[in-house]
Protein backbone atom coordinates (compact mmCIF):
# COMPACT_ATOMS: atom_id res chain seq x y z
CA MET A 1 0.00 0.00 0.00
CA GLN A 2 1.15 3.53 -0.70
CA LYS A 3 -0.07 7.05 -0.27
CA ILE A 4 -0.14 9.83 -2.84
CA ILE A 5 0.70 13.39 -1.91
CA GLY A 6 1.26 16.59 -3.85
CA VAL A 7 4.53 18.45 -3.39
CA THR A 8 2.81 21.48 -1.89
CA GLU A 9 1.06 19.32 0.70
CA LEU A 10 4.34 17.51 1.36
CA GLN A 11 6.02 20.85 2.10
CA ARG A 12 3.32 21.66 4.63
CA ASN A 13 3.34 18.23 6.27
CA PHE A 14 6.91 17.07 5.75
CA ARG A 15 7.60 16.03 9.34
CA ALA A 16 4.42 13.90 9.56
CA VAL A 17 5.09 12.28 6.17
CA PHE A 18 8.73 11.63 7.08
CA ASP A 19 7.71 10.02 10.36
CA GLU A 20 5.14 7.84 8.59
CA VAL A 21 7.70 6.69 6.04
CA THR A 22 10.38 5.92 8.63
CA ASN A 23 8.24 4.59 11.49
CA GLU A 24 5.46 2.81 9.60
CA ASN A 25 7.30 1.92 6.36
CA MET A 26 4.65 3.79 4.37
CA PRO A 27 5.82 4.73 0.85
CA TYR A 28 4.58 7.97 -0.68
CA VAL A 29 4.21 8.88 -4.34
CA LEU A 30 4.86 12.57 -4.91
CA THR A 31 2.83 14.32 -7.55
CA ARG A 32 3.19 17.63 -9.31
CA GLY A 33 -0.13 18.65 -10.71
CA SER A 34 -1.69 15.24 -11.14
CA ARG A 35 1.43 13.50 -12.49
CA PRO A 36 3.51 11.17 -10.33
CA GLU A 37 7.06 12.52 -10.31
CA ALA A 38 8.95 10.85 -7.44
CA ALA A 39 8.64 8.60 -4.42
CA ILE A 40 9.66 8.63 -0.79
CA ILE A 41 10.40 5.16 0.54
CA PRO A 42 12.03 3.77 3.67
CA TYR A 43 15.81 3.53 3.47
CA THR A 44 15.78 -0.27 3.77
CA GLU A 45 13.57 -0.49 0.68
CA PHE A 46 15.88 1.92 -1.13
CA THR A 47 18.96 -0.22 -0.41
CA GLN A 48 17.02 -3.31 -1.50
CA PHE A 49 16.08 -1.53 -4.74
CA LEU A 50 19.74 -0.67 -5.36
CA ALA A 51 20.72 -4.30 -4.82
CA TRP A 52 18.07 -5.44 -7.32
CA LYS A 53 19.28 -2.89 -9.85
CA GLU A 54 22.85 -4.08 -9.40
CA GLN A 55 21.74 -7.69 -9.91
CA GLU A 56 19.90 -6.61 -13.05
CA ILE A 57 23.01 -4.86 -14.38
CA VAL A 58 25.22 -7.87 -13.62
CA ALA A 59 22.71 -10.20 -15.32
CA GLU A 60 22.66 -7.96 -18.42
CA PHE A 61 26.45 -7.92 -18.47
CA ASP A 62 26.50 -11.71 -18.18
CA ARG A 63 24.06 -11.99 -21.11
CA ALA A 64 26.25 -9.66 -23.20
CA MET A 65 29.36 -11.68 -22.35
CA GLN A 66 27.57 -14.89 -23.31
CA ARG A 67 26.60 -13.37 -26.68
CA LEU A 68 30.25 -12.41 -27.24
CA VAL A 69 31.41 -15.91 -26.34
CA GLU A 70 28.92 -17.40 -28.79
CA ARG A 71 29.83 -14.99 -31.60
CA ASN A 72 33.56 -15.51 -31.10
CA ALA A 73 33.44 -19.29 -30.68
CA ASP A 74 34.90 -19.82 -34.17
CA TYR A 75 37.98 -17.69 -33.44
CA SER A 76 41.08 -18.83 -31.58
CA ASP A 77 42.61 -16.90 -28.69
CA ASP A 78 45.58 -16.05 -30.92
CA GLU A 79 43.29 -14.55 -33.59
CA ILE A 80 41.47 -12.47 -31.00
CA ALA A 81 44.75 -11.29 -29.43
CA ALA A 82 46.06 -10.28 -32.87
CA ASP A 83 42.87 -8.29 -33.55
CA VAL A 84 43.17 -6.55 -30.17
CA GLU A 85 46.82 -5.65 -30.83
CA GLU A 86 45.89 -4.30 -34.26
CA ALA A 87 43.11 -2.16 -32.75
CA ILE A 88 45.50 -0.80 -30.09
CA THR A 89 48.05 0.10 -32.76
CA GLU A 90 45.39 1.91 -34.83
CA VAL A 91 44.15 3.88 -31.81
CA ARG A 92 47.68 4.91 -30.86
CA LYS A 93 48.39 6.06 -34.43
CA ALA A 94 45.14 8.04 -34.54
CA SER A 95 45.73 9.72 -31.17
CA SER A 96 49.33 10.71 -32.06
CA ALA A 97 48.30 12.28 -35.37
């Protein structure tokens, strides 16, 4: 469950809203006009959200790495190393010009 509050009302009742969020774990959706713009949530929920986002980023990275492994399966480590060295040489030439 959550509550919805306009920013003007939040300014008038900040202390009560803050206490409700921290003491009762009540999230608030902040609106400007009638549009939801932000949220106030307990800190524990915020840290949990950050952990979920980090897991999501790591999972996306893992999927990208798996795609690279699959696309490069036909190339040997020596071929890949040679391509990397060639790219480094080209970048160094371009940056010194």
